[in-house]
Amino acid sequence: MEVRIRLQRAGKVSKSRYNYRIVAMSRNKGRDSRNLEIIGHYDAARNPAVIGVNYEKLQKWLDNGASMSDTVRTLVKKSKKASSQSA
């Protein structure tokens, strides 16, 4: 089973503005299918957008052969950059 780390739509904040979870799930499942593990969250409705990532879980899945989607890869980079600037 190929595992992909990607976004899963979680809840609707307002008209066409959603919250997302960063999850590990099988590559052939749909966007809103059952996930294997929740790794983080992404709230695009806030300004600036809120990105939370559990790096230990992320690294565990990457070590086990999971790959990240392009969108998640971008969000993780932004999250690391923001956390390094605030520290």
N, C-alpha and C. Protein backbone atom coordinates (compact mmCIF):
# COMPACT_ATOMS: atom_id res chain seq x y z
N MET A 1 0.85 -1.18 0.00
CA MET A 1 0.00 0.00 0.00
C MET A 1 0.89 1.24 0.00
N GLU A 2 0.72 2.09 -1.01
CA GLU A 2 1.44 3.34 -1.07
C GLU A 2 0.73 4.36 -0.21
N VAL A 3 1.50 5.03 0.66
CA VAL A 3 0.92 6.03 1.55
C VAL A 3 1.34 7.41 1.09
N ARG A 4 0.39 8.32 1.12
CA ARG A 4 0.62 9.70 0.70
C ARG A 4 0.19 10.62 1.83
N ILE A 5 0.98 11.64 2.11
CA ILE A 5 0.62 12.64 3.11
C ILE A 5 -0.01 13.79 2.35
N ARG A 6 -1.29 14.07 2.66
CA ARG A 6 -2.02 15.07 1.89
C ARG A 6 -3.09 15.73 2.73
N LEU A 7 -3.86 16.64 2.13
CA LEU A 7 -4.90 17.36 2.84
C LEU A 7 -6.22 16.60 2.79
N GLN A 8 -6.95 16.69 3.89
CA GLN A 8 -8.30 16.14 3.96
C GLN A 8 -9.21 17.25 4.45
N ARG A 9 -10.27 17.52 3.71
CA ARG A 9 -11.17 18.60 4.10
C ARG A 9 -11.91 18.21 5.36
N ALA A 10 -11.91 19.12 6.36
CA ALA A 10 -12.48 18.76 7.66
C ALA A 10 -13.79 19.47 7.94
N GLY A 11 -13.84 20.77 7.90
CA GLY A 11 -15.06 21.48 8.27
C GLY A 11 -15.19 22.78 7.53
N LYS A 12 -16.41 23.20 7.38
CA LYS A 12 -16.69 24.44 6.67
C LYS A 12 -16.81 25.57 7.67
N VAL A 13 -15.96 26.57 7.55
CA VAL A 13 -15.99 27.72 8.44
C VAL A 13 -17.08 28.68 7.99
N SER A 14 -17.07 29.04 6.75
CA SER A 14 -18.10 29.89 6.16
C SER A 14 -18.22 29.51 4.69
N LYS A 15 -18.90 30.31 3.94
CA LYS A 15 -19.14 29.97 2.54
C LYS A 15 -17.83 29.72 1.79
N SER A 16 -17.65 28.50 1.34
CA SER A 16 -16.50 28.03 0.56
C SER A 16 -15.15 28.28 1.23
N ARG A 17 -15.11 28.28 2.57
CA ARG A 17 -13.85 28.41 3.30
C ARG A 17 -13.76 27.23 4.25
N TYR A 18 -12.81 26.36 4.00
CA TYR A 18 -12.73 25.10 4.72
C TYR A 18 -11.50 25.04 5.62
N ASN A 19 -11.58 24.19 6.62
CA ASN A 19 -10.42 23.78 7.41
C ASN A 19 -9.95 22.46 6.82
N TYR A 20 -8.66 22.21 6.91
CA TYR A 20 -8.10 20.98 6.38
C TYR A 20 -7.26 20.29 7.44
N ARG A 21 -7.18 18.98 7.35
CA ARG A 21 -6.26 18.20 8.17
C ARG A 21 -5.14 17.71 7.26
N ILE A 22 -3.94 17.65 7.81
CA ILE A 22 -2.83 17.04 7.11
C ILE A 22 -2.80 15.60 7.59
N VAL A 23 -3.01 14.65 6.68
CA VAL A 23 -3.19 13.26 7.07
C VAL A 23 -2.33 12.33 6.23
N ALA A 24 -2.09 11.15 6.77
CA ALA A 24 -1.47 10.05 6.02
C ALA A 24 -2.61 9.14 5.59
N MET A 25 -2.70 8.87 4.29
CA MET A 25 -3.74 7.97 3.80
C MET A 25 -3.25 7.25 2.56
N SER A 26 -3.93 6.17 2.27
CA SER A 26 -3.59 5.37 1.10
C SER A 26 -3.72 6.22 -0.16
N ARG A 27 -2.81 6.02 -1.08
CA ARG A 27 -2.74 6.85 -2.28
C ARG A 27 -3.99 6.74 -3.15
N ASN A 28 -4.66 5.60 -3.15
CA ASN A 28 -5.80 5.40 -4.05
C ASN A 28 -7.15 5.74 -3.41
N LYS A 29 -7.16 6.32 -2.21
CA LYS A 29 -8.41 6.73 -1.57
C LYS A 29 -8.79 8.14 -1.99
N GLY A 30 -10.06 8.48 -1.84
CA GLY A 30 -10.55 9.81 -2.16
C GLY A 30 -10.18 10.82 -1.10
N ARG A 31 -10.39 12.09 -1.39
CA ARG A 31 -10.01 13.18 -0.49
C ARG A 31 -10.63 13.07 0.89
N ASP A 32 -11.90 12.70 0.96
CA ASP A 32 -12.60 12.66 2.24
C ASP A 32 -12.73 11.25 2.80
N SER A 33 -11.94 10.31 2.32
CA SER A 33 -11.98 8.94 2.83
C SER A 33 -11.30 8.84 4.18
N ARG A 34 -11.36 7.66 4.76
CA ARG A 34 -10.77 7.43 6.07
C ARG A 34 -9.24 7.54 5.99
N ASN A 35 -8.66 8.22 6.99
CA ASN A 35 -7.22 8.39 7.00
C ASN A 35 -6.56 7.39 7.93
N LEU A 36 -5.25 7.24 7.79
CA LEU A 36 -4.48 6.35 8.66
C LEU A 36 -4.08 7.07 9.94
N GLU A 37 -3.69 8.36 9.82
CA GLU A 37 -3.30 9.13 10.99
C GLU A 37 -3.36 10.62 10.66
N ILE A 38 -3.79 11.41 11.64
CA ILE A 38 -3.80 12.86 11.48
C ILE A 38 -2.43 13.39 11.91
N ILE A 39 -1.81 14.16 11.04
CA ILE A 39 -0.46 14.67 11.28
C ILE A 39 -0.47 16.14 11.66
N GLY A 40 -1.46 16.88 11.19
CA GLY A 40 -1.52 18.30 11.49
C GLY A 40 -2.81 18.91 10.99
N HIS A 41 -2.84 20.25 10.93
CA HIS A 41 -4.03 20.95 10.46
C HIS A 41 -3.61 22.21 9.69
N TYR A 42 -4.55 22.69 8.88
CA TYR A 42 -4.33 23.89 8.09
C TYR A 42 -5.64 24.65 8.03
N ASP A 43 -5.63 25.89 8.53
CA ASP A 43 -6.82 26.74 8.54
C ASP A 43 -6.56 27.93 7.64
N ALA A 44 -7.05 27.85 6.42
CA ALA A 44 -6.84 28.92 5.45
C ALA A 44 -7.79 30.08 5.67
N ALA A 45 -8.82 29.90 6.49
CA ALA A 45 -9.81 30.95 6.70
C ALA A 45 -9.27 32.09 7.54
N ARG A 46 -8.27 31.84 8.34
CA ARG A 46 -7.68 32.89 9.17
C ARG A 46 -6.66 33.69 8.38
N ASN A 47 -6.42 34.89 8.85
CA ASN A 47 -5.43 35.74 8.20
C ASN A 47 -4.41 36.17 9.23
N PRO A 48 -3.18 35.73 9.22
CA PRO A 48 -2.58 34.79 8.27
C PRO A 48 -3.04 33.36 8.53
N ALA A 49 -2.89 32.51 7.55
CA ALA A 49 -3.32 31.11 7.66
C ALA A 49 -2.57 30.41 8.79
N VAL A 50 -3.27 29.51 9.49
CA VAL A 50 -2.70 28.77 10.61
C VAL A 50 -2.32 27.37 10.13
N ILE A 51 -1.05 27.01 10.34
CA ILE A 51 -0.54 25.70 9.94
C ILE A 51 0.06 25.05 11.17
N GLY A 52 -0.44 23.86 11.53
CA GLY A 52 0.12 23.11 12.65
C GLY A 52 0.54 21.73 12.19
N VAL A 53 1.79 21.37 12.45
CA VAL A 53 2.32 20.08 12.00
C VAL A 53 3.02 19.39 13.16
N ASN A 54 2.70 18.11 13.36
CA ASN A 54 3.44 17.30 14.33
C ASN A 54 4.60 16.66 13.58
N TYR A 55 5.80 17.24 13.76
CA TYR A 55 6.95 16.82 12.97
C TYR A 55 7.41 15.40 13.29
N GLU A 56 7.16 14.92 14.51
CA GLU A 56 7.54 13.54 14.85
C GLU A 56 6.71 12.55 14.04
N LYS A 57 5.40 12.78 13.96
CA LYS A 57 4.53 11.89 13.17
C LYS A 57 4.88 11.99 11.69
N LEU A 58 5.14 13.20 11.22
CA LEU A 58 5.50 13.40 9.83
C LEU A 58 6.77 12.62 9.48
N GLN A 59 7.78 12.74 10.33
CA GLN A 59 9.03 12.05 10.07
C GLN A 59 8.87 10.54 10.12
N LYS A 60 8.00 10.05 11.03
CA LYS A 60 7.73 8.61 11.11
C LYS A 60 7.18 8.09 9.79
N TRP A 61 6.22 8.81 9.22
CA TRP A 61 5.63 8.37 7.96
C TRP A 61 6.60 8.50 6.80
N LEU A 62 7.41 9.55 6.80
CA LEU A 62 8.39 9.70 5.73
C LEU A 62 9.45 8.60 5.80
N ASP A 63 9.84 8.22 7.01
CA ASP A 63 10.80 7.12 7.19
C ASP A 63 10.22 5.79 6.72
N ASN A 64 8.90 5.65 6.82
CA ASN A 64 8.24 4.41 6.39
C ASN A 64 7.92 4.40 4.89
N GLY A 65 8.34 5.44 4.16
CA GLY A 65 8.18 5.43 2.72
C GLY A 65 7.03 6.25 2.17
N ALA A 66 6.37 7.03 3.00
CA ALA A 66 5.27 7.86 2.52
C ALA A 66 5.83 9.04 1.73
N SER A 67 5.04 9.56 0.83
CA SER A 67 5.44 10.74 0.07
C SER A 67 4.43 11.85 0.32
N MET A 68 4.89 13.11 0.24
CA MET A 68 4.01 14.25 0.47
C MET A 68 3.46 14.78 -0.85
N SER A 69 2.24 15.28 -0.82
CA SER A 69 1.70 15.96 -1.98
C SER A 69 2.41 17.31 -2.12
N ASP A 70 2.31 17.91 -3.28
CA ASP A 70 2.97 19.19 -3.51
C ASP A 70 2.45 20.27 -2.55
N THR A 71 1.14 20.27 -2.32
CA THR A 71 0.54 21.27 -1.44
C THR A 71 1.03 21.10 -0.01
N VAL A 72 1.07 19.88 0.48
CA VAL A 72 1.54 19.62 1.84
C VAL A 72 3.02 19.97 1.96
N ARG A 73 3.80 19.66 0.96
CA ARG A 73 5.23 19.99 0.98
C ARG A 73 5.40 21.51 1.14
N THR A 74 4.62 22.30 0.41
CA THR A 74 4.68 23.75 0.51
C THR A 74 4.26 24.23 1.89
N LEU A 75 3.18 23.64 2.44
CA LEU A 75 2.71 24.04 3.77
C LEU A 75 3.73 23.71 4.85
N VAL A 76 4.39 22.56 4.75
CA VAL A 76 5.40 22.17 5.74
C VAL A 76 6.58 23.14 5.69
N LYS A 77 6.99 23.53 4.48
CA LYS A 77 8.08 24.49 4.35
C LYS A 77 7.71 25.82 5.00
N LYS A 78 6.48 26.29 4.75
CA LYS A 78 6.02 27.55 5.36
C LYS A 78 5.97 27.44 6.88
N SER A 79 5.52 26.29 7.37
CA SER A 79 5.43 26.08 8.81
C SER A 79 6.81 26.08 9.46
N LYS A 80 7.77 25.41 8.83
CA LYS A 80 9.14 25.39 9.37
C LYS A 80 9.75 26.78 9.35
N LYS A 81 9.50 27.52 8.27
CA LYS A 81 10.04 28.87 8.15
C LYS A 81 9.45 29.79 9.22
N ALA A 82 8.15 29.68 9.45
CA ALA A 82 7.50 30.52 10.46
C ALA A 82 7.96 30.16 11.87
N SER A 83 8.16 28.86 12.13
CA SER A 83 8.58 28.45 13.48
C SER A 83 10.04 28.84 13.74
N SER A 84 10.88 28.85 12.71
CA SER A 84 12.27 29.26 12.90
C SER A 84 12.39 30.77 13.09
N GLN A 85 11.50 31.55 12.48
CA GLN A 85 11.53 32.99 12.64
C GLN A 85 11.02 33.41 14.01
N SER A 86 10.06 32.68 14.54
CA SER A 86 9.49 33.04 15.85
C SER A 86 10.37 32.57 16.99
N ALA A 87 11.27 31.63 16.75
CA ALA A 87 12.15 31.12 17.82
C ALA A 87 13.38 31.95 18.00
